Amino acid sequence: MAIEKLYTAEEFEAFLDRPENKDKRFELIHGEIIPKMPTQLHALIVMLLGHALMLYLTEHPLGWVFPEARYGLPDDDSNDRVPDLSFVREELGPVIESGPAPYMPDLAVEVQSPDDNPKDMREKADYYIANGSRMVWLIFTTKRSRRVEVFRPDQPMQTIGIDDMLDGGDVLPGFKVAVTALFVLKAGGKE
C-alpha cells in the first residue's frame, strides 16, 4: 500500500479533531496515521493486565497506569504513540489533561491485534526504549504462540512463555502476574 502523505504532529492533532474521527482511535507512527482496531481478546487482555497493575499500584503508589494514553516527544514531529497500556511514575509530573504526554512511559504495553505482525510490534518496542521507556511488554495473542516479549534498555529481549510469570523488574518492583492469567477466555475461569 502506497503512503499518500506523511503527517506532522500538528496535522495529526487536526485530524483527530475532525468530527468523523471523534470516537475512533489512531496513532501517528513515523508520519503515518494508523487506526487502532482492537478485538475483544485484545481488550480483555488489556483489562486483565490493567486490573492487575491497578491492584499493585493500590499497594505500591508509584504512579499511574493508563489504557490508550498518548505520548509524543516535543522534538519528534512524526510520532504520537498510543500504547495499549502504559505506566508512568509519579516523578514525571502531574497527569496530562490535554494532548500527548511529552515523554515516553516508563512501561509501554502493546497487545497483538489480528493485523499486527511481530516485526512492526518489535519496531514499536525499539522506539519506546530508544526514547526513554524503561520497559516494554509485547503480548502475542495467537493461539499457537501466546507469549510476552520483554524489552529493556541495553539488555537482550526476553521471552516469557504462557506458563511463566511476568514481573515488573525495577520498573514495578514486586509486581508479578501469570501470563496464563491474561488469557482468561471463559467467564469465571481459564481458557
N, C-alpha and C. Protein backbone atom coordinates (compact mmCIF):
# COMPACT_ATOMS: atom_id res chain seq x y z
N MET A 1 0.84 -1.17 0.00
CA MET A 1 0.00 0.00 0.00
C MET A 1 0.89 1.24 0.00
N ALA A 2 0.67 2.13 -0.92
CA ALA A 2 1.46 3.35 -1.03
C ALA A 2 0.97 4.38 0.00
N ILE A 3 1.90 5.05 0.61
CA ILE A 3 1.57 6.09 1.58
C ILE A 3 1.32 7.37 0.80
N GLU A 4 0.12 7.93 0.95
CA GLU A 4 -0.24 9.13 0.22
C GLU A 4 0.42 10.38 0.79
N LYS A 5 0.52 10.47 2.10
CA LYS A 5 1.05 11.67 2.73
C LYS A 5 1.59 11.32 4.10
N LEU A 6 2.66 11.97 4.48
CA LEU A 6 3.15 11.86 5.84
C LEU A 6 2.68 13.08 6.62
N TYR A 7 2.27 12.87 7.85
CA TYR A 7 1.70 13.92 8.67
C TYR A 7 2.66 14.36 9.76
N THR A 8 2.54 15.61 10.16
CA THR A 8 3.25 16.12 11.33
C THR A 8 2.34 15.94 12.56
N ALA A 9 2.91 16.13 13.73
CA ALA A 9 2.12 16.02 14.96
C ALA A 9 0.99 17.05 14.97
N GLU A 10 1.25 18.25 14.46
CA GLU A 10 0.22 19.29 14.41
C GLU A 10 -0.91 18.89 13.47
N GLU A 11 -0.57 18.34 12.30
CA GLU A 11 -1.59 17.88 11.36
C GLU A 11 -2.37 16.70 11.94
N PHE A 12 -1.68 15.85 12.69
CA PHE A 12 -2.33 14.72 13.35
C PHE A 12 -3.36 15.21 14.36
N GLU A 13 -3.01 16.23 15.13
CA GLU A 13 -3.94 16.83 16.10
C GLU A 13 -5.19 17.32 15.39
N ALA A 14 -5.02 17.99 14.25
CA ALA A 14 -6.17 18.48 13.47
C ALA A 14 -7.00 17.32 12.94
N PHE A 15 -6.34 16.25 12.52
CA PHE A 15 -7.03 15.05 12.04
C PHE A 15 -7.89 14.46 13.16
N LEU A 16 -7.34 14.37 14.37
CA LEU A 16 -8.08 13.82 15.50
C LEU A 16 -9.29 14.67 15.85
N ASP A 17 -9.20 15.98 15.61
CA ASP A 17 -10.29 16.90 15.95
C ASP A 17 -11.44 16.88 14.96
N ARG A 18 -11.27 16.23 13.81
CA ARG A 18 -12.37 16.16 12.84
C ARG A 18 -13.55 15.40 13.46
N PRO A 19 -14.77 15.86 13.21
CA PRO A 19 -15.96 15.20 13.79
C PRO A 19 -16.04 13.70 13.47
N GLU A 20 -15.66 13.30 12.29
CA GLU A 20 -15.76 11.88 11.90
C GLU A 20 -14.73 11.00 12.63
N ASN A 21 -13.75 11.60 13.28
CA ASN A 21 -12.72 10.83 13.98
C ASN A 21 -12.87 10.87 15.50
N LYS A 22 -13.86 11.56 16.01
CA LYS A 22 -14.01 11.77 17.46
C LYS A 22 -14.08 10.48 18.27
N ASP A 23 -14.75 9.46 17.77
CA ASP A 23 -14.92 8.22 18.53
C ASP A 23 -14.02 7.10 18.03
N LYS A 24 -12.98 7.43 17.31
CA LYS A 24 -12.05 6.44 16.77
C LYS A 24 -10.68 6.62 17.41
N ARG A 25 -9.86 5.59 17.31
CA ARG A 25 -8.51 5.62 17.88
C ARG A 25 -7.48 5.53 16.76
N PHE A 26 -6.49 6.41 16.83
CA PHE A 26 -5.41 6.44 15.85
C PHE A 26 -4.11 6.73 16.58
N GLU A 27 -3.00 6.37 15.93
CA GLU A 27 -1.70 6.84 16.40
C GLU A 27 -0.88 7.27 15.19
N LEU A 28 0.10 8.08 15.44
CA LEU A 28 1.00 8.59 14.39
C LEU A 28 2.33 7.87 14.54
N ILE A 29 2.69 7.10 13.51
CA ILE A 29 3.93 6.33 13.54
C ILE A 29 4.76 6.72 12.33
N HIS A 30 5.85 7.41 12.58
CA HIS A 30 6.75 7.88 11.52
C HIS A 30 5.98 8.63 10.43
N GLY A 31 5.04 9.48 10.84
CA GLY A 31 4.29 10.31 9.91
C GLY A 31 3.05 9.66 9.32
N GLU A 32 2.84 8.39 9.56
CA GLU A 32 1.65 7.69 9.06
C GLU A 32 0.58 7.65 10.13
N ILE A 33 -0.65 7.94 9.75
CA ILE A 33 -1.77 7.81 10.67
C ILE A 33 -2.26 6.36 10.59
N ILE A 34 -2.20 5.68 11.73
CA ILE A 34 -2.53 4.26 11.80
C ILE A 34 -3.77 4.09 12.68
N PRO A 35 -4.84 3.48 12.15
CA PRO A 35 -6.01 3.23 13.00
C PRO A 35 -5.72 2.10 13.98
N LYS A 36 -6.29 2.20 15.16
CA LYS A 36 -6.18 1.13 16.16
C LYS A 36 -7.50 0.36 16.13
N MET A 37 -7.41 -0.95 15.87
CA MET A 37 -8.61 -1.77 15.70
C MET A 37 -8.58 -2.97 16.64
N PRO A 38 -8.80 -2.77 17.93
CA PRO A 38 -8.72 -3.88 18.87
C PRO A 38 -9.91 -4.84 18.75
N THR A 39 -9.65 -6.09 19.08
CA THR A 39 -10.70 -7.11 19.14
C THR A 39 -11.13 -7.28 20.60
N GLN A 40 -12.10 -8.12 20.83
CA GLN A 40 -12.49 -8.40 22.21
C GLN A 40 -11.35 -9.06 22.97
N LEU A 41 -10.63 -9.99 22.33
CA LEU A 41 -9.49 -10.63 23.01
C LEU A 41 -8.46 -9.59 23.41
N HIS A 42 -8.14 -8.70 22.50
CA HIS A 42 -7.20 -7.61 22.76
C HIS A 42 -7.67 -6.79 23.96
N ALA A 43 -8.93 -6.36 23.94
CA ALA A 43 -9.47 -5.53 25.02
C ALA A 43 -9.49 -6.28 26.35
N LEU A 44 -9.81 -7.57 26.31
CA LEU A 44 -9.84 -8.37 27.53
C LEU A 44 -8.45 -8.46 28.16
N ILE A 45 -7.44 -8.70 27.34
CA ILE A 45 -6.06 -8.78 27.87
C ILE A 45 -5.65 -7.45 28.47
N VAL A 46 -5.97 -6.35 27.80
CA VAL A 46 -5.66 -5.02 28.33
C VAL A 46 -6.35 -4.82 29.67
N MET A 47 -7.62 -5.20 29.77
CA MET A 47 -8.35 -5.02 31.03
C MET A 47 -7.78 -5.91 32.15
N LEU A 48 -7.48 -7.17 31.83
CA LEU A 48 -6.95 -8.08 32.86
C LEU A 48 -5.59 -7.59 33.37
N LEU A 49 -4.71 -7.20 32.46
CA LEU A 49 -3.41 -6.69 32.89
C LEU A 49 -3.56 -5.35 33.59
N GLY A 50 -4.41 -4.49 33.07
CA GLY A 50 -4.66 -3.20 33.71
C GLY A 50 -5.18 -3.37 35.13
N HIS A 51 -6.08 -4.33 35.33
CA HIS A 51 -6.61 -4.61 36.66
C HIS A 51 -5.50 -5.06 37.61
N ALA A 52 -4.66 -5.98 37.13
CA ALA A 52 -3.54 -6.46 37.95
C ALA A 52 -2.60 -5.30 38.32
N LEU A 53 -2.34 -4.42 37.37
CA LEU A 53 -1.47 -3.27 37.64
C LEU A 53 -2.13 -2.29 38.61
N MET A 54 -3.43 -2.08 38.47
CA MET A 54 -4.13 -1.18 39.40
C MET A 54 -4.10 -1.73 40.83
N LEU A 55 -4.29 -3.04 40.98
CA LEU A 55 -4.21 -3.64 42.31
C LEU A 55 -2.81 -3.44 42.89
N TYR A 56 -1.79 -3.66 42.07
CA TYR A 56 -0.41 -3.46 42.52
C TYR A 56 -0.19 -2.00 42.94
N LEU A 57 -0.66 -1.06 42.12
CA LEU A 57 -0.43 0.36 42.40
C LEU A 57 -1.22 0.85 43.61
N THR A 58 -2.29 0.16 43.97
CA THR A 58 -3.01 0.49 45.19
C THR A 58 -2.12 0.22 46.41
N GLU A 59 -1.37 -0.86 46.35
CA GLU A 59 -0.46 -1.22 47.44
C GLU A 59 0.89 -0.51 47.33
N HIS A 60 1.29 -0.15 46.12
CA HIS A 60 2.59 0.49 45.85
C HIS A 60 2.33 1.75 45.01
N PRO A 61 1.94 2.85 45.62
CA PRO A 61 1.55 4.05 44.85
C PRO A 61 2.74 4.77 44.20
N LEU A 62 3.23 4.16 43.13
CA LEU A 62 4.41 4.68 42.42
C LEU A 62 4.05 5.63 41.29
N GLY A 63 2.81 5.55 40.82
CA GLY A 63 2.41 6.34 39.66
C GLY A 63 1.06 5.87 39.16
N TRP A 64 0.87 5.94 37.83
CA TRP A 64 -0.42 5.66 37.23
C TRP A 64 -0.30 4.67 36.09
N VAL A 65 -1.37 3.92 35.88
CA VAL A 65 -1.48 3.05 34.72
C VAL A 65 -2.60 3.62 33.84
N PHE A 66 -2.36 3.65 32.53
CA PHE A 66 -3.31 4.24 31.59
C PHE A 66 -3.59 3.31 30.42
N PRO A 67 -4.86 3.14 30.05
CA PRO A 67 -5.15 2.48 28.78
C PRO A 67 -5.20 3.54 27.68
N GLU A 68 -4.57 3.26 26.55
CA GLU A 68 -4.68 4.12 25.36
C GLU A 68 -4.31 5.58 25.58
N ALA A 69 -3.29 5.87 26.38
CA ALA A 69 -2.83 7.25 26.57
C ALA A 69 -1.85 7.62 25.46
N ARG A 70 -1.80 8.89 25.14
CA ARG A 70 -0.94 9.38 24.06
C ARG A 70 0.39 9.90 24.59
N TYR A 71 1.46 9.64 23.80
CA TYR A 71 2.81 10.10 24.13
C TYR A 71 3.47 10.64 22.87
N GLY A 72 3.99 11.85 22.96
CA GLY A 72 4.68 12.46 21.83
C GLY A 72 5.80 13.35 22.30
N LEU A 73 7.01 13.05 21.85
CA LEU A 73 8.16 13.85 22.27
C LEU A 73 8.16 15.20 21.56
N PRO A 74 8.49 16.27 22.27
CA PRO A 74 8.49 17.61 21.67
C PRO A 74 9.40 17.74 20.44
N ASP A 75 10.51 16.97 20.41
CA ASP A 75 11.44 17.08 19.28
C ASP A 75 11.21 16.02 18.21
N ASP A 76 10.09 15.31 18.27
CA ASP A 76 9.76 14.29 17.27
C ASP A 76 8.39 14.62 16.68
N ASP A 77 8.41 15.24 15.53
CA ASP A 77 7.19 15.74 14.91
C ASP A 77 6.46 14.68 14.08
N SER A 78 6.96 13.46 14.05
CA SER A 78 6.30 12.45 13.21
C SER A 78 5.80 11.24 14.00
N ASN A 79 5.75 11.37 15.33
CA ASN A 79 5.26 10.27 16.15
C ASN A 79 4.37 10.78 17.27
N ASP A 80 3.25 10.14 17.44
CA ASP A 80 2.32 10.37 18.55
C ASP A 80 1.82 8.98 18.89
N ARG A 81 2.51 8.34 19.84
CA ARG A 81 2.29 6.92 20.11
C ARG A 81 1.20 6.70 21.15
N VAL A 82 0.47 5.60 20.99
CA VAL A 82 -0.62 5.25 21.88
C VAL A 82 -0.50 3.77 22.26
N PRO A 83 0.33 3.46 23.26
CA PRO A 83 0.41 2.06 23.68
C PRO A 83 -0.94 1.60 24.24
N ASP A 84 -1.18 0.31 24.16
CA ASP A 84 -2.45 -0.22 24.65
C ASP A 84 -2.59 0.00 26.15
N LEU A 85 -1.48 -0.06 26.86
CA LEU A 85 -1.44 0.17 28.30
C LEU A 85 -0.09 0.78 28.61
N SER A 86 -0.05 1.67 29.59
CA SER A 86 1.24 2.26 29.96
C SER A 86 1.25 2.57 31.45
N PHE A 87 2.46 2.61 31.98
CA PHE A 87 2.67 3.00 33.37
C PHE A 87 3.62 4.19 33.36
N VAL A 88 3.28 5.20 34.16
CA VAL A 88 4.12 6.39 34.31
C VAL A 88 4.31 6.64 35.79
N ARG A 89 5.57 6.75 36.21
CA ARG A 89 5.84 7.01 37.62
C ARG A 89 5.51 8.45 37.96
N GLU A 90 5.15 8.65 39.18
CA GLU A 90 4.68 9.94 39.67
C GLU A 90 5.69 11.07 39.47
N GLU A 91 6.99 10.75 39.53
CA GLU A 91 8.02 11.79 39.42
C GLU A 91 8.01 12.52 38.08
N LEU A 92 7.39 11.93 37.06
CA LEU A 92 7.37 12.59 35.75
C LEU A 92 6.43 13.79 35.73
N GLY A 93 5.63 13.97 36.78
CA GLY A 93 4.77 15.14 36.85
C GLY A 93 3.31 14.78 36.94
N PRO A 94 2.45 15.78 36.88
CA PRO A 94 1.02 15.52 37.02
C PRO A 94 0.46 14.80 35.79
N VAL A 95 -0.72 14.26 35.95
CA VAL A 95 -1.42 13.60 34.84
C VAL A 95 -1.72 14.66 33.77
N ILE A 96 -1.39 14.33 32.52
CA ILE A 96 -1.61 15.25 31.40
C ILE A 96 -3.10 15.26 31.06
N GLU A 97 -3.67 16.45 30.96
CA GLU A 97 -5.11 16.56 30.73
C GLU A 97 -5.49 16.87 29.29
N SER A 98 -4.52 17.26 28.47
CA SER A 98 -4.84 17.60 27.08
C SER A 98 -3.63 17.28 26.19
N GLY A 99 -3.88 16.60 25.08
CA GLY A 99 -2.81 16.28 24.15
C GLY A 99 -1.92 15.16 24.67
N PRO A 100 -0.84 14.89 23.95
CA PRO A 100 0.05 13.79 24.35
C PRO A 100 0.97 14.19 25.50
N ALA A 101 1.34 13.21 26.31
CA ALA A 101 2.37 13.44 27.32
C ALA A 101 3.68 13.69 26.58
N PRO A 102 4.52 14.62 27.04
CA PRO A 102 5.74 14.99 26.31
C PRO A 102 6.94 14.10 26.62
N TYR A 103 6.71 12.85 26.92
CA TYR A 103 7.76 11.87 27.25
C TYR A 103 7.21 10.50 26.91
N MET A 104 8.05 9.49 26.97
CA MET A 104 7.60 8.11 26.79
C MET A 104 7.31 7.52 28.17
N PRO A 105 6.36 6.57 28.26
CA PRO A 105 6.03 5.98 29.55
C PRO A 105 7.17 5.12 30.07
N ASP A 106 7.20 4.92 31.38
CA ASP A 106 8.19 4.01 31.97
C ASP A 106 7.99 2.59 31.43
N LEU A 107 6.73 2.18 31.34
CA LEU A 107 6.36 0.88 30.79
C LEU A 107 5.34 1.09 29.69
N ALA A 108 5.61 0.54 28.51
CA ALA A 108 4.64 0.54 27.41
C ALA A 108 4.26 -0.90 27.14
N VAL A 109 2.97 -1.14 26.95
CA VAL A 109 2.47 -2.48 26.67
C VAL A 109 1.71 -2.44 25.35
N GLU A 110 2.06 -3.33 24.46
CA GLU A 110 1.35 -3.49 23.19
C GLU A 110 0.80 -4.91 23.13
N VAL A 111 -0.49 -5.03 22.87
CA VAL A 111 -1.15 -6.32 22.74
C VAL A 111 -1.43 -6.54 21.26
N GLN A 112 -1.07 -7.70 20.77
CA GLN A 112 -1.21 -8.01 19.35
C GLN A 112 -2.68 -8.04 18.93
N SER A 113 -2.98 -7.28 17.88
CA SER A 113 -4.27 -7.33 17.21
C SER A 113 -4.11 -8.24 15.98
N PRO A 114 -5.22 -8.66 15.36
CA PRO A 114 -5.09 -9.60 14.24
C PRO A 114 -4.16 -9.14 13.12
N ASP A 115 -4.12 -7.85 12.79
CA ASP A 115 -3.23 -7.44 11.70
C ASP A 115 -1.86 -6.98 12.16
N ASP A 116 -1.54 -7.10 13.43
CA ASP A 116 -0.21 -6.72 13.92
C ASP A 116 0.78 -7.85 13.65
N ASN A 117 1.86 -7.52 12.95
CA ASN A 117 2.89 -8.55 12.77
C ASN A 117 4.01 -8.31 13.78
N PRO A 118 4.71 -9.38 14.15
CA PRO A 118 5.76 -9.26 15.17
C PRO A 118 6.83 -8.22 14.82
N LYS A 119 7.20 -8.10 13.56
CA LYS A 119 8.23 -7.14 13.17
C LYS A 119 7.80 -5.71 13.51
N ASP A 120 6.56 -5.34 13.18
CA ASP A 120 6.06 -4.00 13.49
C ASP A 120 5.95 -3.78 14.99
N MET A 121 5.53 -4.81 15.71
CA MET A 121 5.42 -4.68 17.17
C MET A 121 6.80 -4.47 17.79
N ARG A 122 7.79 -5.19 17.30
CA ARG A 122 9.15 -5.02 17.83
C ARG A 122 9.72 -3.65 17.48
N GLU A 123 9.34 -3.11 16.33
CA GLU A 123 9.76 -1.75 15.98
C GLU A 123 9.19 -0.76 16.99
N LYS A 124 7.94 -0.98 17.38
CA LYS A 124 7.33 -0.11 18.40
C LYS A 124 8.12 -0.21 19.71
N ALA A 125 8.46 -1.43 20.10
CA ALA A 125 9.23 -1.62 21.33
C ALA A 125 10.57 -0.89 21.24
N ASP A 126 11.25 -1.04 20.11
CA ASP A 126 12.54 -0.36 19.92
C ASP A 126 12.39 1.15 20.02
N TYR A 127 11.30 1.70 19.44
CA TYR A 127 11.06 3.14 19.50
C TYR A 127 10.88 3.58 20.96
N TYR A 128 10.03 2.88 21.71
CA TYR A 128 9.81 3.26 23.10
C TYR A 128 11.11 3.24 23.89
N ILE A 129 11.88 2.17 23.76
CA ILE A 129 13.13 2.03 24.51
C ILE A 129 14.13 3.11 24.10
N ALA A 130 14.27 3.35 22.80
CA ALA A 130 15.21 4.36 22.31
C ALA A 130 14.85 5.77 22.77
N ASN A 131 13.60 5.97 23.15
CA ASN A 131 13.14 7.31 23.50
C ASN A 131 12.76 7.48 24.97
N GLY A 132 13.22 6.57 25.82
CA GLY A 132 13.08 6.80 27.26
C GLY A 132 12.28 5.81 28.06
N SER A 133 11.55 4.89 27.42
CA SER A 133 10.83 3.88 28.20
C SER A 133 11.84 2.96 28.87
N ARG A 134 11.50 2.52 30.07
CA ARG A 134 12.39 1.65 30.82
C ARG A 134 12.08 0.17 30.61
N MET A 135 10.87 -0.11 30.08
CA MET A 135 10.50 -1.49 29.80
C MET A 135 9.32 -1.48 28.83
N VAL A 136 9.28 -2.50 27.97
CA VAL A 136 8.17 -2.70 27.04
C VAL A 136 7.77 -4.16 27.11
N TRP A 137 6.46 -4.40 27.18
CA TRP A 137 5.91 -5.74 27.09
C TRP A 137 5.11 -5.85 25.81
N LEU A 138 5.47 -6.79 24.95
CA LEU A 138 4.69 -7.12 23.76
C LEU A 138 3.97 -8.42 24.05
N ILE A 139 2.64 -8.39 24.01
CA ILE A 139 1.84 -9.59 24.31
C ILE A 139 1.32 -10.16 23.00
N PHE A 140 1.77 -11.37 22.68
CA PHE A 140 1.37 -12.05 21.44
C PHE A 140 0.20 -12.96 21.74
N THR A 141 -0.85 -12.87 20.92
CA THR A 141 -2.14 -13.47 21.24
C THR A 141 -2.53 -14.67 20.39
N THR A 142 -1.76 -14.98 19.34
CA THR A 142 -2.17 -16.11 18.51
C THR A 142 -2.10 -17.39 19.34
N LYS A 143 -3.07 -18.26 19.13
CA LYS A 143 -3.21 -19.45 19.98
C LYS A 143 -1.94 -20.28 20.06
N ARG A 144 -1.23 -20.42 18.97
CA ARG A 144 -0.05 -21.29 18.99
C ARG A 144 1.21 -20.61 19.52
N SER A 145 1.16 -19.30 19.73
CA SER A 145 2.38 -18.63 20.21
C SER A 145 2.08 -17.55 21.24
N ARG A 146 1.25 -17.86 22.20
CA ARG A 146 0.94 -16.90 23.26
C ARG A 146 2.16 -16.75 24.16
N ARG A 147 2.62 -15.50 24.24
CA ARG A 147 3.84 -15.22 24.99
C ARG A 147 3.95 -13.72 25.21
N VAL A 148 4.92 -13.31 26.01
CA VAL A 148 5.23 -11.90 26.20
C VAL A 148 6.71 -11.73 25.90
N GLU A 149 7.02 -10.75 25.07
CA GLU A 149 8.42 -10.38 24.85
C GLU A 149 8.68 -9.12 25.67
N VAL A 150 9.78 -9.16 26.42
CA VAL A 150 10.13 -8.07 27.33
C VAL A 150 11.38 -7.38 26.80
N PHE A 151 11.31 -6.06 26.67
CA PHE A 151 12.42 -5.24 26.19
C PHE A 151 12.82 -4.28 27.30
N ARG A 152 14.14 -4.14 27.51
CA ARG A 152 14.70 -3.18 28.47
C ARG A 152 15.92 -2.55 27.81
N PRO A 153 16.26 -1.32 28.17
CA PRO A 153 17.45 -0.71 27.59
C PRO A 153 18.71 -1.54 27.87
N ASP A 154 19.53 -1.68 26.87
CA ASP A 154 20.84 -2.34 27.00
C ASP A 154 20.76 -3.78 27.50
N GLN A 155 19.65 -4.45 27.26
CA GLN A 155 19.52 -5.86 27.62
C GLN A 155 18.91 -6.61 26.45
N PRO A 156 19.23 -7.89 26.31
CA PRO A 156 18.60 -8.66 25.24
C PRO A 156 17.12 -8.86 25.52
N MET A 157 16.34 -8.98 24.45
CA MET A 157 14.92 -9.26 24.57
C MET A 157 14.74 -10.59 25.30
N GLN A 158 13.74 -10.63 26.18
CA GLN A 158 13.45 -11.84 26.95
C GLN A 158 12.05 -12.32 26.57
N THR A 159 11.90 -13.63 26.36
CA THR A 159 10.59 -14.21 26.04
C THR A 159 10.04 -14.91 27.28
N ILE A 160 8.81 -14.55 27.65
CA ILE A 160 8.11 -15.15 28.78
C ILE A 160 6.98 -15.99 28.20
N GLY A 161 7.00 -17.30 28.46
CA GLY A 161 6.01 -18.21 27.90
C GLY A 161 4.68 -18.17 28.64
N ILE A 162 3.70 -18.82 28.06
CA ILE A 162 2.34 -18.85 28.60
C ILE A 162 2.29 -19.42 30.01
N ASP A 163 3.21 -20.32 30.35
CA ASP A 163 3.20 -20.94 31.68
C ASP A 163 4.14 -20.25 32.67
N ASP A 164 4.68 -19.09 32.29
CA ASP A 164 5.65 -18.38 33.12
C ASP A 164 5.01 -17.16 33.79
N MET A 165 5.78 -16.55 34.68
CA MET A 165 5.36 -15.33 35.37
C MET A 165 6.00 -14.11 34.72
N LEU A 166 5.22 -13.08 34.52
CA LEU A 166 5.71 -11.80 34.03
C LEU A 166 5.94 -10.93 35.26
N ASP A 167 7.13 -10.31 35.35
CA ASP A 167 7.38 -9.47 36.52
C ASP A 167 7.77 -8.06 36.09
N GLY A 168 7.59 -7.14 37.04
CA GLY A 168 7.80 -5.72 36.77
C GLY A 168 9.24 -5.25 36.87
N GLY A 169 10.17 -6.15 37.22
CA GLY A 169 11.58 -5.77 37.30
C GLY A 169 11.77 -4.55 38.19
N ASP A 170 12.71 -3.68 37.81
CA ASP A 170 12.96 -2.49 38.62
C ASP A 170 11.99 -1.35 38.31
N VAL A 171 11.13 -1.53 37.30
CA VAL A 171 10.13 -0.52 36.96
C VAL A 171 8.94 -0.62 37.91
N LEU A 172 8.50 -1.84 38.17
CA LEU A 172 7.39 -2.12 39.09
C LEU A 172 7.85 -3.21 40.06
N PRO A 173 8.72 -2.87 41.03
CA PRO A 173 9.30 -3.88 41.92
C PRO A 173 8.23 -4.68 42.66
N GLY A 174 8.36 -6.00 42.56
CA GLY A 174 7.44 -6.88 43.25
C GLY A 174 6.18 -7.23 42.45
N PHE A 175 5.94 -6.58 41.33
CA PHE A 175 4.76 -6.92 40.52
C PHE A 175 5.01 -8.23 39.79
N LYS A 176 4.03 -9.13 39.87
CA LYS A 176 4.09 -10.40 39.14
C LYS A 176 2.69 -10.77 38.70
N VAL A 177 2.59 -11.33 37.51
CA VAL A 177 1.32 -11.87 37.03
C VAL A 177 1.63 -13.07 36.15
N ALA A 178 0.84 -14.13 36.29
CA ALA A 178 1.00 -15.30 35.44
C ALA A 178 0.53 -14.94 34.03
N VAL A 179 1.33 -15.25 33.04
CA VAL A 179 0.95 -14.95 31.65
C VAL A 179 -0.38 -15.62 31.32
N THR A 180 -0.58 -16.84 31.78
CA THR A 180 -1.83 -17.54 31.50
C THR A 180 -3.04 -16.78 32.05
N ALA A 181 -2.87 -16.01 33.13
CA ALA A 181 -3.97 -15.23 33.71
C ALA A 181 -4.44 -14.13 32.77
N LEU A 182 -3.63 -13.76 31.78
CA LEU A 182 -4.02 -12.73 30.82
C LEU A 182 -4.91 -13.30 29.72
N PHE A 183 -5.07 -14.62 29.69
CA PHE A 183 -5.86 -15.27 28.65
C PHE A 183 -7.06 -16.00 29.26
N VAL A 184 -7.76 -15.33 30.16
CA VAL A 184 -8.97 -15.88 30.77
C VAL A 184 -10.10 -15.66 29.77
N LEU A 185 -10.41 -16.70 28.99
CA LEU A 185 -11.32 -16.53 27.86
C LEU A 185 -12.72 -17.11 28.11
N LYS A 186 -12.94 -17.62 29.29
CA LYS A 186 -14.28 -18.08 29.66
C LYS A 186 -14.68 -17.32 30.91
N ALA A 187 -15.93 -16.89 30.96
CA ALA A 187 -16.40 -16.15 32.13
C ALA A 187 -16.16 -16.97 33.39
N GLY A 188 -15.48 -16.39 34.34
CA GLY A 188 -15.25 -17.05 35.61
C GLY A 188 -14.14 -18.07 35.61
N GLY A 189 -13.36 -18.22 34.52
CA GLY A 189 -12.32 -19.23 34.53
C GLY A 189 -11.32 -19.08 33.42
N LYS A 190 -10.50 -20.09 33.27
CA LYS A 190 -9.42 -20.10 32.27
C LYS A 190 -9.97 -20.48 30.90
N GLU A 191 -9.09 -20.39 29.94
CA GLU A 191 -9.44 -20.74 28.55
C GLU A 191 -9.84 -22.19 28.46
